[in-house]
Each structure stands twice: as C-alpha cells, then as structure tokens.
Amino acid sequence: MNNLPHEYSRLVPSASAALFAVLLLGTSSPATAQQAAGGAAVERGRYLVTITGCHDCHSPKIKGMTPDLTRALSGRPATTPLPSPTTTEVHASADLTAWNGPWGFSVASNLTPDAATGIGTRYTEASFVTTMRTGKKPNGTAIMPPMPSEVYQNMTDEDLKAIFAYLRTIKPIMNPVLAGLPPPNPPKP
C-alpha cells in the first residue's frame, strides 16, 4: 500500500489538504488582483485629493467655503466673475475658483473626466504625471498661480498616478471653465 514510514503516512493527507487549500484560496485571477490594486490606488488618490486641498480651488462652494460636492472638482463655474484686475496684488473670487494677479487671470480647471471640458481624453496617466512634474499642460500652457505646482512636483509617481486614478472615477461634469471670459493674455517675455 504505502511505502512511507509510519510517522510520515499521517502527514501525507494533511499536507495534501493544506496544499489544496493554499491553491484554492491563494489563487486569484490577474483581473481580480488588478482590480484590488486599482481600488487601492483610487482610495489613495481620494485621500491625496482631500488632504492636498484640491477642493479648495477646483470645487465650487456652498455656504461659505464648503465645497459643493454635487459639482466636485469641476472648476470655475461660468457664474463666477473674475475678480478685479491688479498688477501688484492677488485678488480671488469669493469661491476661490478665479484669480487675478501680476500674471493676469487664472481659473480653476475642470478635473472631472468629462471628455469635452474636463481632463477627459486630453490626459493619459503619463501626460497627467508629466503635467504635474513640469507645471505645463499637454498643450504647453503653463499652470498658473495659485496652483501650488511645487507641491505636486515633489510627489512620487505612485501618488500622482493614484490621484489620476481617482479623478477618472468621479462624476463627469460638463463645465467650460473659461466660458464668458476673454482669451487669457499671452505671457510677457
């Protein structure tokens, strides 16, 4: 029957059962593992967006400075006028989605995945990371104050990818942030 010494014969069924359990429970499809990793990245991105203050400027406000989460990260609403022009100070709109300063004016971008007015199809993960690293949008336009580009330039690639992963999951909101505004002044040499 069994050619194993008596003390080992009891271990064979136990080892076989343990191996079967490990194989059964320890295997997951690559898609399942990828979904778990993607979910962790999205949650990390949500956390980073929250602690780095993205809603402070990129979300319209309700009741003072409370972000309007029904329009989360959709940028400057068309109803928000530009603050008064200035060349020596920085002026902000009451909802902190538009500014005027020595550089001219700037408005908070729409970070939602809306294809027409948000980051949509204009950004890939790689171009998003490059934008955050260089302070320049894919079309070559500089990211203007008060965006704290230097904060994002110091983040790890993994953190920037997590932010991008999270932004891809939020509700797309059509919001042309430059609606009703004059074309921005080109930068002075």
Protein backbone atom coordinates (compact mmCIF):
# COMPACT_ATOMS: atom_id res chain seq x y z
CA MET A 1 0.00 0.00 0.00
CA ASN A 2 2.05 2.86 1.29
CA ASN A 3 5.83 2.64 1.30
CA LEU A 4 6.29 5.65 3.61
CA PRO A 5 7.44 5.16 7.19
CA HIS A 6 4.57 5.16 9.66
CA GLU A 7 5.32 8.67 11.08
CA TYR A 8 5.12 10.21 7.59
CA SER A 9 1.98 8.41 6.46
CA ARG A 10 -0.15 10.63 8.70
CA LEU A 11 1.40 13.77 7.21
CA VAL A 12 0.60 12.99 3.59
CA PRO A 13 -3.18 13.53 3.84
CA SER A 14 -2.64 16.67 5.96
CA ALA A 15 -0.07 18.09 3.57
CA SER A 16 -2.27 17.31 0.58
CA ALA A 17 -5.22 19.06 2.20
CA ALA A 18 -3.08 22.08 3.09
CA LEU A 19 -1.68 22.29 -0.44
CA PHE A 20 -5.20 22.06 -1.88
CA ALA A 21 -6.40 24.86 0.45
CA VAL A 22 -3.48 27.09 -0.48
CA LEU A 23 -4.09 26.52 -4.16
CA LEU A 24 -7.82 27.05 -3.82
CA LEU A 25 -7.73 30.09 -1.57
CA GLY A 26 -4.45 31.61 -2.63
CA THR A 27 -5.10 31.83 -6.33
CA SER A 28 -6.84 34.75 -7.82
CA SER A 29 -7.19 35.76 -11.38
CA PRO A 30 -4.89 38.51 -12.66
CA ALA A 31 -8.02 40.61 -13.23
CA THR A 32 -9.03 40.25 -9.56
CA ALA A 33 -5.55 41.20 -8.36
CA GLN A 34 -5.51 44.14 -10.78
CA GLN A 35 -8.93 45.31 -9.56
CA ALA A 36 -7.75 45.17 -5.94
CA ALA A 37 -4.61 47.15 -6.80
CA GLY A 38 -6.69 49.64 -8.81
CA GLY A 39 -9.14 50.03 -5.93
CA ALA A 40 -6.28 50.72 -3.52
CA ALA A 41 -4.86 53.33 -5.92
CA VAL A 42 -8.25 55.03 -6.25
CA GLU A 43 -8.63 55.18 -2.47
CA ARG A 44 -5.10 56.55 -2.12
CA GLY A 45 -5.94 59.15 -4.77
CA ARG A 46 -9.14 60.15 -2.96
CA TYR A 47 -7.12 60.60 0.23
CA LEU A 48 -4.44 62.68 -1.50
CA VAL A 49 -7.01 64.91 -3.26
CA THR A 50 -8.64 65.52 0.11
CA ILE A 51 -5.51 66.34 2.12
CA THR A 52 -3.80 68.45 -0.54
CA GLY A 53 -6.73 70.85 -0.75
CA CYS A 54 -7.82 70.24 -4.35
CA HIS A 55 -11.44 71.04 -3.40
CA ASP A 56 -10.34 74.43 -2.03
CA CYS A 57 -9.97 75.79 -5.57
CA HIS A 58 -11.33 73.20 -8.01
CA SER A 59 -14.78 72.76 -6.41
CA PRO A 60 -17.46 75.48 -6.42
CA LYS A 61 -18.63 76.43 -2.92
CA ILE A 62 -21.89 76.44 -1.00
CA LYS A 63 -22.42 78.05 2.41
CA GLY A 64 -19.17 79.91 2.71
CA MET A 65 -16.17 77.78 1.84
CA THR A 66 -17.88 74.37 1.91
CA PRO A 67 -17.21 72.54 -1.37
CA ASP A 68 -20.32 71.77 -3.42
CA LEU A 69 -19.78 68.03 -3.82
CA THR A 70 -22.52 67.80 -6.46
CA ARG A 71 -20.06 69.74 -8.65
CA ALA A 72 -16.88 68.36 -7.08
CA LEU A 73 -13.64 69.28 -8.83
CA SER A 74 -15.47 70.77 -11.83
CA GLY A 75 -13.57 74.08 -11.67
CA ARG A 76 -14.76 77.66 -12.04
CA PRO A 77 -18.50 77.95 -12.73
CA ALA A 78 -19.48 80.30 -15.58
CA THR A 79 -21.42 82.30 -12.98
CA THR A 80 -18.25 83.20 -11.08
CA PRO A 81 -16.92 86.53 -12.35
CA LEU A 82 -13.24 87.31 -12.49
CA PRO A 83 -12.00 89.36 -9.56
CA SER A 84 -10.88 92.93 -10.15
CA PRO A 85 -7.69 93.32 -12.19
CA THR A 86 -4.44 94.11 -10.39
CA THR A 87 -0.75 94.23 -11.15
CA THR A 88 0.54 94.43 -7.58
CA GLU A 89 -1.73 92.12 -5.57
CA VAL A 90 -3.58 88.85 -5.91
CA HIS A 91 -7.37 89.07 -5.97
CA ALA A 92 -9.60 86.00 -5.67
CA SER A 93 -13.26 85.35 -6.38
CA ALA A 94 -15.44 84.67 -3.34
CA ASP A 95 -15.49 80.94 -4.17
CA LEU A 96 -11.72 80.73 -4.83
CA THR A 97 -12.18 79.41 -8.38
CA ALA A 98 -10.87 82.53 -10.18
CA TRP A 99 -7.91 84.87 -9.58
CA ASN A 100 -6.27 88.00 -10.93
CA GLY A 101 -2.68 88.97 -10.25
CA PRO A 102 0.51 90.25 -11.86
CA TRP A 103 0.39 87.23 -14.23
CA GLY A 104 -3.10 88.15 -15.50
CA PHE A 105 -6.06 85.96 -14.63
CA SER A 106 -6.38 82.27 -13.95
CA VAL A 107 -9.27 79.96 -13.21
CA ALA A 108 -9.52 76.53 -11.60
CA SER A 109 -9.56 73.74 -14.19
CA ASN A 110 -12.26 71.12 -14.50
CA LEU A 111 -10.63 67.93 -13.15
CA THR A 112 -13.60 65.66 -13.81
CA PRO A 113 -13.37 63.02 -16.55
CA ASP A 114 -15.80 64.96 -18.80
CA ALA A 115 -14.50 64.42 -22.34
CA ALA A 116 -15.40 67.90 -23.61
CA THR A 117 -14.47 70.20 -20.71
CA GLY A 118 -12.60 68.13 -18.12
CA ILE A 119 -9.44 66.05 -18.17
CA GLY A 120 -11.44 63.52 -20.23
CA THR A 121 -9.44 62.15 -23.13
CA ARG A 122 -6.92 65.00 -23.19
CA TYR A 123 -4.92 63.37 -20.41
CA THR A 124 -3.43 59.94 -20.10
CA GLU A 125 -1.84 58.77 -16.89
CA ALA A 126 1.59 59.60 -18.36
CA SER A 127 0.60 63.09 -19.55
CA PHE A 128 -1.02 63.82 -16.16
CA VAL A 129 2.19 62.86 -14.34
CA THR A 130 4.23 64.95 -16.80
CA THR A 131 1.92 67.94 -16.28
CA MET A 132 2.30 67.73 -12.52
CA ARG A 133 6.09 67.32 -12.81
CA THR A 134 6.68 70.15 -15.30
CA GLY A 135 3.92 72.62 -14.45
CA LYS A 136 2.83 72.61 -18.11
CA LYS A 137 -0.37 71.24 -19.60
CA PRO A 138 -0.18 68.86 -22.58
CA ASN A 139 -0.74 71.82 -24.95
CA GLY A 140 2.30 73.60 -23.45
CA THR A 141 0.31 76.14 -21.41
CA ALA A 142 1.86 76.84 -18.02
CA ILE A 143 -0.16 76.05 -14.92
CA MET A 144 -0.78 79.45 -13.38
CA PRO A 145 -0.88 80.67 -9.79
CA PRO A 146 -2.23 79.97 -7.28
CA MET A 147 -1.83 76.29 -8.23
CA PRO A 148 0.96 75.03 -5.95
CA SER A 149 2.81 73.13 -8.68
CA GLU A 150 5.87 72.72 -6.48
CA VAL A 151 3.82 70.59 -4.06
CA TYR A 152 2.85 68.16 -6.80
CA GLN A 153 6.33 68.15 -8.34
CA ASN A 154 7.59 66.59 -5.11
CA MET A 155 5.03 63.78 -5.04
CA THR A 156 6.01 60.25 -6.02
CA ASP A 157 4.93 58.87 -9.38
CA GLU A 158 2.75 56.38 -7.49
CA ASP A 159 0.93 59.20 -5.66
CA LEU A 160 0.36 61.16 -8.89
CA LYS A 161 -0.91 58.02 -10.61
CA ALA A 162 -3.25 57.40 -7.67
CA ILE A 163 -4.64 60.94 -7.95
CA PHE A 164 -5.20 60.40 -11.67
CA ALA A 165 -6.88 57.03 -10.99
CA TYR A 166 -9.24 58.70 -8.52
CA LEU A 167 -10.05 61.60 -10.85
CA ARG A 168 -11.06 59.07 -13.53
CA THR A 169 -13.71 57.65 -11.15
CA ILE A 170 -15.55 60.84 -10.16
CA LYS A 171 -18.71 62.06 -11.84
CA PRO A 172 -18.01 63.74 -15.20
CA ILE A 173 -19.36 67.28 -15.16
CA MET A 174 -19.59 69.41 -18.28
CA ASN A 175 -18.27 72.80 -17.19
CA PRO A 176 -16.32 75.01 -19.60
CA VAL A 177 -14.30 76.96 -17.02
CA LEU A 178 -13.32 79.71 -19.49
CA ALA A 179 -16.94 80.35 -20.58
CA GLY A 180 -17.70 84.06 -20.82
CA LEU A 181 -14.08 85.14 -20.27
CA PRO A 182 -11.76 86.95 -22.64
CA PRO A 183 -8.88 84.91 -24.01
CA PRO A 184 -6.00 84.91 -21.49
CA ASN A 185 -3.21 87.39 -22.14
CA PRO A 186 -0.10 85.74 -23.53
CA PRO A 187 2.77 85.77 -21.04
CA LYS A 188 5.15 88.70 -21.35
CA PRO A 189 8.73 87.83 -22.37
